[in-house]
Amino acid sequence: MRAVIGLALVAIIAVAIIAVAYVAVVWIQSRVKDARANQRELAQHREFVAELHQMAREQLGVDPTAQLLDLKIRKFHTRPSTRKDIRS
């Protein structure tokens, strides 16, 4: 009788280990699938941004990155530099 109970317990533990391993494999596969989808979406976004950048360069005749950098420099130079300037 004890042998049967011991054998049943081993079988239950084995089934539990297999179930946990299966769930882990399915979860990892879904994460890989999502990561690949995100990579495709990121590549599409980069292509779109590159197209917009090229269109802006053609229409404006100026590199939009240079304009953005110039805007950031102006913003940096116009902000208050001391606490006294900030309060006033």
Protein backbone atom coordinates (compact mmCIF):
# COMPACT_ATOMS: atom_id res chain seq x y z
CA MET A 1 0.00 0.00 0.00
CA ARG A 2 2.78 2.41 0.88
CA ALA A 3 4.50 1.68 -2.41
CA VAL A 4 1.34 2.61 -4.32
CA ILE A 5 0.98 5.87 -2.39
CA GLY A 6 4.65 6.67 -2.92
CA LEU A 7 4.37 5.92 -6.62
CA ALA A 8 1.24 8.08 -6.90
CA LEU A 9 3.01 10.93 -5.11
CA VAL A 10 5.98 10.70 -7.48
CA ALA A 11 3.59 10.71 -10.45
CA ILE A 12 1.75 13.78 -9.13
CA ILE A 13 5.04 15.63 -8.58
CA ALA A 14 6.22 14.68 -12.08
CA VAL A 15 2.99 15.95 -13.62
CA ALA A 16 3.29 19.20 -11.65
CA ILE A 17 6.88 19.71 -12.84
CA ILE A 18 5.86 19.07 -16.45
CA ALA A 19 2.93 21.51 -16.11
CA VAL A 20 5.16 24.25 -14.69
CA ALA A 21 7.73 23.68 -17.45
CA TYR A 22 5.01 23.85 -20.09
CA VAL A 23 3.64 27.12 -18.71
CA ALA A 24 7.18 28.56 -18.62
CA VAL A 25 7.79 27.58 -22.26
CA VAL A 26 4.49 29.08 -23.39
CA TRP A 27 5.20 32.30 -21.46
CA ILE A 28 8.69 32.61 -22.93
CA GLN A 29 7.36 32.02 -26.45
CA SER A 30 4.76 34.76 -26.00
CA ARG A 31 7.43 37.16 -24.73
CA VAL A 32 9.63 36.39 -27.75
CA LYS A 33 6.68 36.89 -30.09
CA ASP A 34 5.89 40.26 -28.46
CA ALA A 35 9.54 41.32 -28.62
CA ARG A 36 9.68 40.54 -32.34
CA ALA A 37 6.48 42.51 -32.94
CA ASN A 38 7.93 45.45 -31.02
CA GLN A 39 11.12 45.30 -33.08
CA ARG A 40 9.09 45.36 -36.31
CA GLU A 41 7.05 48.30 -35.05
CA LEU A 42 10.21 50.16 -34.02
CA ALA A 43 11.76 49.59 -37.45
CA GLN A 44 8.60 50.91 -39.14
CA HIS A 45 8.62 53.95 -36.87
CA ARG A 46 12.27 54.67 -37.67
CA GLU A 47 11.55 54.43 -41.39
CA PHE A 48 8.60 56.81 -40.99
CA VAL A 49 10.67 59.32 -39.03
CA ALA A 50 13.43 59.13 -41.65
CA GLU A 51 10.87 59.84 -44.38
CA LEU A 52 9.48 62.81 -42.45
CA HIS A 53 12.99 64.10 -41.85
CA GLN A 54 13.78 63.86 -45.56
CA MET A 55 10.50 65.59 -46.49
CA ALA A 56 11.24 68.42 -44.06
CA ARG A 57 14.74 68.79 -45.46
CA GLU A 58 13.37 68.96 -49.03
CA GLN A 59 10.56 71.39 -48.23
CA LEU A 60 12.41 73.68 -45.84
CA GLY A 61 15.79 73.51 -47.44
CA VAL A 62 17.26 73.23 -43.94
CA ASP A 63 18.09 70.22 -41.81
CA PRO A 64 15.34 70.06 -39.12
CA THR A 65 17.83 68.56 -36.66
CA ALA A 66 19.91 71.73 -36.89
CA GLN A 67 16.80 73.83 -36.26
CA LEU A 68 15.93 71.76 -33.21
CA LEU A 69 19.46 72.11 -31.87
CA ASP A 70 19.33 75.88 -32.41
CA LEU A 71 16.01 76.02 -30.55
CA LYS A 72 17.44 74.08 -27.62
CA ILE A 73 20.48 76.36 -27.47
CA ARG A 74 18.26 79.45 -27.44
CA LYS A 75 16.09 77.97 -24.72
CA PHE A 76 19.18 77.15 -22.67
CA HIS A 77 20.53 80.69 -22.96
CA THR A 78 17.24 82.35 -22.06
CA ARG A 79 16.53 80.43 -18.87
CA PRO A 80 17.40 82.03 -15.50
CA SER A 81 20.83 81.15 -14.18
CA THR A 82 20.47 81.87 -10.45
CA ARG A 83 17.89 81.36 -7.76
CA LYS A 84 17.41 85.13 -7.53
CA ASP A 85 16.57 85.25 -11.25
CA ILE A 86 14.15 82.38 -10.83
CA ARG A 87 12.23 84.12 -8.03
CA SER A 88 11.81 87.39 -9.92
